[in-house]
Amino acid sequence: MPAAITPSILNADLSRLADEVGRIPSADMVHVDVMDGHFVPNLTFGLPVVESLMKHTALPIDMHLMIEDPDRWAPAFAEIGVASVSFHAEAAKAHVRLARELRAKGAKACMALNPATDVTPYAGVLGELDMLLIMTVEPGFGGQPFLDLCLPKIKRARRIASAQELELRIQVDGGVSAETIERCAVAGADVFVAGSAVYSAADPDQMVRELRRLADEAAGPTD
């Protein structure tokens, strides 16, 4: 499957979000990190900001909820029409039920794993998901260096999905750049969150296209 690039607006100029999203028209989705100050120490956007942003872009919104009690709060994001919602395995109480509820409300159901969380115990849940998000930094802050120790987990997740014949996308988030994206693609990832790499570039949209090219070339031909 061709690579998808989903720039994180956490690294954009937060005072002018609509304009910043307008600088990445080639992006496949816009990645929006919601942090509650509890599950992670940082505090970011809430539902009203996301609703407002959606009025100013036609790009699909890719939500990443780094929050406690996603079973309660995640469905509301699906209800406003975002494209996908990622909840953390470590925070959810009823993974399958939540995934099915998100899908029923029209969003793609996605589950995120922290760097230290093994994918193997969740092998039985993957069939309920559209995408698995593997964190390649500790969640909570942008601009952190990529953790190579997560590469074996990406490979393991891809093997498990292939063994079950699942059309599961694997997203990586954290430290993704022109220097790291190829390793992630070779390991089996096909959706890439890039924040600092995109918004620190002189031409953010050109960086989106370059990251996609690097990932596609590293992954090789697709059927």
Protein backbone atom coordinates (compact mmCIF):
# COMPACT_ATOMS: atom_id res chain seq x y z
CA MET A 1 0.00 0.00 0.00
CA PRO A 2 1.42 3.45 -0.86
CA ALA A 3 2.84 5.45 2.02
CA ALA A 4 0.62 8.03 3.70
CA ILE A 5 2.08 11.13 5.33
CA THR A 6 0.12 12.70 8.18
CA PRO A 7 1.86 15.84 9.48
CA SER A 8 1.34 16.67 13.14
CA ILE A 9 0.13 20.20 13.82
CA LEU A 10 1.62 19.98 17.30
CA ASN A 11 4.78 21.37 15.67
CA ALA A 12 3.00 24.09 13.70
CA ASP A 13 2.36 27.68 14.72
CA LEU A 14 -0.59 27.07 17.02
CA SER A 15 -1.73 30.69 16.78
CA ARG A 16 -2.60 30.23 13.09
CA LEU A 17 -3.63 26.59 12.70
CA ALA A 18 -5.82 27.06 9.63
CA ASP A 19 -2.99 28.76 7.75
CA GLU A 20 -0.50 26.13 8.86
CA VAL A 21 -2.69 23.30 7.60
CA GLY A 22 -2.96 25.21 4.33
CA ARG A 23 0.81 24.84 3.91
CA ILE A 24 0.56 21.03 3.54
CA PRO A 25 -1.97 20.40 0.73
CA SER A 26 -0.18 17.20 -0.33
CA ALA A 27 -0.67 15.57 3.08
CA ASP A 28 -2.86 12.49 3.25
CA MET A 29 -4.31 13.49 6.62
CA VAL A 30 -3.71 16.07 9.34
CA HIS A 31 -2.57 14.50 12.60
CA VAL A 32 -4.06 16.15 15.69
CA ASP A 33 -2.75 15.22 19.14
CA VAL A 34 -5.18 15.56 22.03
CA MET A 35 -3.44 15.41 25.43
CA ASP A 36 -5.24 15.74 28.74
CA GLY A 37 -2.43 16.44 31.21
CA HIS A 38 -3.13 13.10 32.92
CA PHE A 39 -2.34 10.22 30.59
CA VAL A 40 0.58 12.35 29.42
CA PRO A 41 1.97 15.43 31.20
CA ASN A 42 1.23 17.86 28.38
CA LEU A 43 -2.08 19.60 27.62
CA THR A 44 -3.17 20.46 24.08
CA PHE A 45 -6.38 20.67 22.06
CA GLY A 46 -9.95 19.72 22.80
CA LEU A 47 -13.04 18.96 20.75
CA PRO A 48 -13.97 22.62 20.00
CA VAL A 49 -10.56 23.35 18.45
CA VAL A 50 -10.84 20.27 16.24
CA GLU A 51 -14.35 21.23 15.13
CA SER A 52 -13.13 24.72 14.26
CA LEU A 53 -10.13 23.41 12.31
CA MET A 54 -12.35 21.12 10.26
CA LYS A 55 -14.19 24.17 8.92
CA HIS A 56 -10.97 25.42 7.35
CA THR A 57 -9.57 22.34 5.62
CA ALA A 58 -10.78 19.59 3.33
CA LEU A 59 -7.97 17.28 4.48
CA PRO A 60 -9.08 14.31 6.61
CA ILE A 61 -8.37 14.65 10.33
CA ASP A 62 -6.39 11.89 12.03
CA MET A 63 -7.00 12.09 15.79
CA HIS A 64 -4.52 10.75 18.34
CA LEU A 65 -6.07 10.73 21.80
CA MET A 66 -3.44 10.63 24.54
CA ILE A 67 -6.07 10.76 27.25
CA GLU A 68 -7.45 8.84 30.17
CA ASP A 69 -10.81 7.12 29.70
CA PRO A 70 -10.94 7.08 25.88
CA ASP A 71 -13.90 4.70 26.17
CA ARG A 72 -15.89 7.74 27.30
CA TRP A 73 -14.39 10.53 25.20
CA ALA A 74 -13.24 9.03 21.89
CA PRO A 75 -16.71 8.49 20.33
CA ALA A 76 -17.41 12.24 20.41
CA PHE A 77 -14.55 12.84 17.98
CA ALA A 78 -15.97 10.26 15.60
CA GLU A 79 -19.35 11.97 15.81
CA ILE A 80 -17.99 15.29 14.49
CA GLY A 81 -16.72 13.59 11.34
CA VAL A 82 -12.98 13.07 11.74
CA ALA A 83 -11.47 10.40 9.49
CA SER A 84 -9.80 8.30 12.17
CA VAL A 85 -9.49 8.10 15.93
CA SER A 86 -6.57 6.49 17.74
CA PHE A 87 -7.02 5.52 21.38
CA HIS A 88 -4.25 4.16 23.58
CA ALA A 89 -4.27 0.48 24.49
CA GLU A 90 -2.86 1.38 27.88
CA ALA A 91 -5.82 3.67 28.68
CA ALA A 92 -8.80 1.88 27.13
CA LYS A 93 -10.83 -0.58 29.16
CA ALA A 94 -12.86 -2.28 26.42
CA HIS A 95 -10.71 -2.23 23.27
CA VAL A 96 -12.98 -4.19 20.97
CA ARG A 97 -16.15 -2.42 22.05
CA LEU A 98 -14.54 1.00 21.57
CA ALA A 99 -13.17 0.09 18.15
CA ARG A 100 -16.58 -1.10 17.02
CA GLU A 101 -18.26 2.03 18.35
CA LEU A 102 -15.83 4.28 16.47
CA ARG A 103 -16.47 2.39 13.25
CA ALA A 104 -20.22 2.53 13.80
CA LYS A 105 -19.97 6.30 14.08
CA GLY A 106 -18.13 6.55 10.77
CA ALA A 107 -14.48 6.87 11.80
CA LYS A 108 -11.63 4.46 11.26
CA ALA A 109 -10.77 2.68 14.48
CA CYS A 110 -7.12 2.88 15.48
CA MET A 111 -5.20 1.80 18.56
CA ALA A 112 -1.90 3.26 19.78
CA LEU A 113 0.90 1.53 21.69
CA ASN A 114 3.52 3.25 23.82
CA PRO A 115 7.17 2.29 23.16
CA ALA A 116 7.26 -0.16 26.07
CA THR A 117 3.93 -1.84 25.20
CA ASP A 118 4.21 -5.17 23.38
CA VAL A 119 1.90 -5.75 20.44
CA THR A 120 1.64 -9.52 20.97
CA PRO A 121 -1.03 -9.44 23.74
CA TYR A 122 -3.23 -7.41 21.41
CA ALA A 123 -2.98 -9.76 18.43
CA GLY A 124 -6.61 -10.72 18.87
CA VAL A 125 -7.73 -7.09 18.71
CA LEU A 126 -6.03 -6.19 15.43
CA GLY A 127 -8.86 -7.55 13.31
CA GLU A 128 -11.15 -4.90 14.83
CA LEU A 129 -8.85 -2.07 13.77
CA ASP A 130 -8.17 -0.12 10.61
CA MET A 131 -4.77 1.07 11.82
CA LEU A 132 -2.26 0.37 14.57
CA LEU A 133 -0.23 3.35 15.79
CA ILE A 134 3.21 2.49 17.17
CA MET A 135 4.79 5.29 19.15
CA THR A 136 8.47 5.70 18.33
CA VAL A 137 8.98 8.25 21.12
CA GLU A 138 7.47 8.51 24.59
CA PRO A 139 4.10 10.23 24.11
CA GLY A 140 3.47 13.74 25.33
CA PHE A 141 5.85 16.12 23.57
CA GLY A 142 6.91 16.84 19.99
CA GLY A 143 10.47 17.05 18.75
CA GLN A 144 11.84 13.96 20.53
CA PRO A 145 14.50 11.74 18.89
CA PHE A 146 13.39 8.52 17.19
CA LEU A 147 13.68 5.30 19.25
CA ASP A 148 15.22 2.59 17.10
CA LEU A 149 14.24 0.01 19.71
CA CYS A 150 10.69 0.25 18.33
CA LEU A 151 11.66 -1.11 14.90
CA PRO A 152 11.38 -4.79 15.95
CA LYS A 153 7.87 -4.10 17.25
CA ILE A 154 6.88 -2.64 13.87
CA LYS A 155 8.15 -5.80 12.19
CA ARG A 156 6.34 -8.00 14.70
CA ALA A 157 3.08 -6.11 14.20
CA ARG A 158 3.35 -6.46 10.43
CA ARG A 159 4.03 -10.22 10.74
CA ILE A 160 1.01 -10.69 13.00
CA ALA A 161 -1.24 -8.71 10.66
CA SER A 162 0.01 -10.63 7.62
CA ALA A 163 -0.49 -13.97 9.36
CA GLN A 164 -4.12 -13.00 10.00
CA GLU A 165 -4.47 -11.69 6.41
CA LEU A 166 -5.49 -8.28 7.71
CA GLU A 167 -5.48 -5.09 5.65
CA LEU A 168 -4.10 -3.23 8.64
CA ARG A 169 -2.20 0.00 8.22
CA ILE A 170 0.68 0.55 10.62
CA GLN A 171 1.37 4.12 11.61
CA VAL A 172 4.51 5.39 13.34
CA ASP A 173 4.65 8.59 15.34
CA GLY A 174 7.71 10.23 16.83
CA GLY A 175 11.00 11.39 15.38
CA VAL A 176 9.96 10.54 11.83
CA SER A 177 12.18 12.41 9.36
CA ALA A 178 14.10 11.95 6.11
CA GLU A 179 16.76 10.19 8.20
CA THR A 180 14.41 7.67 9.88
CA ILE A 181 11.41 7.10 7.61
CA GLU A 182 13.11 4.51 5.41
CA ARG A 183 13.88 2.26 8.38
CA CYS A 184 10.25 2.43 9.45
CA ALA A 185 9.03 1.59 5.94
CA VAL A 186 11.37 -1.38 5.65
CA ALA A 187 10.12 -2.63 9.03
CA GLY A 188 6.53 -2.57 7.76
CA ALA A 189 5.03 0.83 8.57
CA ASP A 190 3.02 2.57 5.85
CA VAL A 191 1.54 5.63 7.59
CA PHE A 192 3.93 8.24 8.98
CA VAL A 193 3.36 11.09 11.40
CA ALA A 194 5.96 13.80 10.88
CA GLY A 195 5.81 17.02 12.84
CA SER A 196 9.14 18.74 13.32
CA ALA A 197 10.50 17.41 10.01
CA VAL A 198 7.62 18.98 8.09
CA TYR A 199 7.08 22.26 9.87
CA SER A 200 10.76 23.09 10.31
CA ALA A 201 11.32 22.72 6.55
CA ALA A 202 11.52 25.79 4.31
CA ASP A 203 8.72 24.26 2.22
CA PRO A 204 6.55 21.98 4.40
CA ASP A 205 4.59 20.58 1.46
CA GLN A 206 7.75 19.68 -0.43
CA MET A 207 8.92 17.81 2.67
CA VAL A 208 5.63 15.89 2.72
CA ARG A 209 6.24 14.79 -0.85
CA GLU A 210 9.86 13.91 -0.16
CA LEU A 211 8.99 11.81 2.87
CA ARG A 212 6.39 9.93 0.83
CA ARG A 213 8.94 9.27 -1.91
CA LEU A 214 11.53 7.97 0.55
CA ALA A 215 9.02 5.68 2.24
CA ASP A 216 7.65 4.28 -1.02
CA GLU A 217 11.11 3.60 -2.41
CA ALA A 218 12.23 1.91 0.81
CA ALA A 219 9.14 -0.28 0.97
CA GLY A 220 9.58 -1.43 -2.63
CA PRO A 221 6.89 -2.34 -5.19
CA THR A 222 3.30 -2.79 -3.97
CA ASP A 223 0.72 -5.11 -5.44
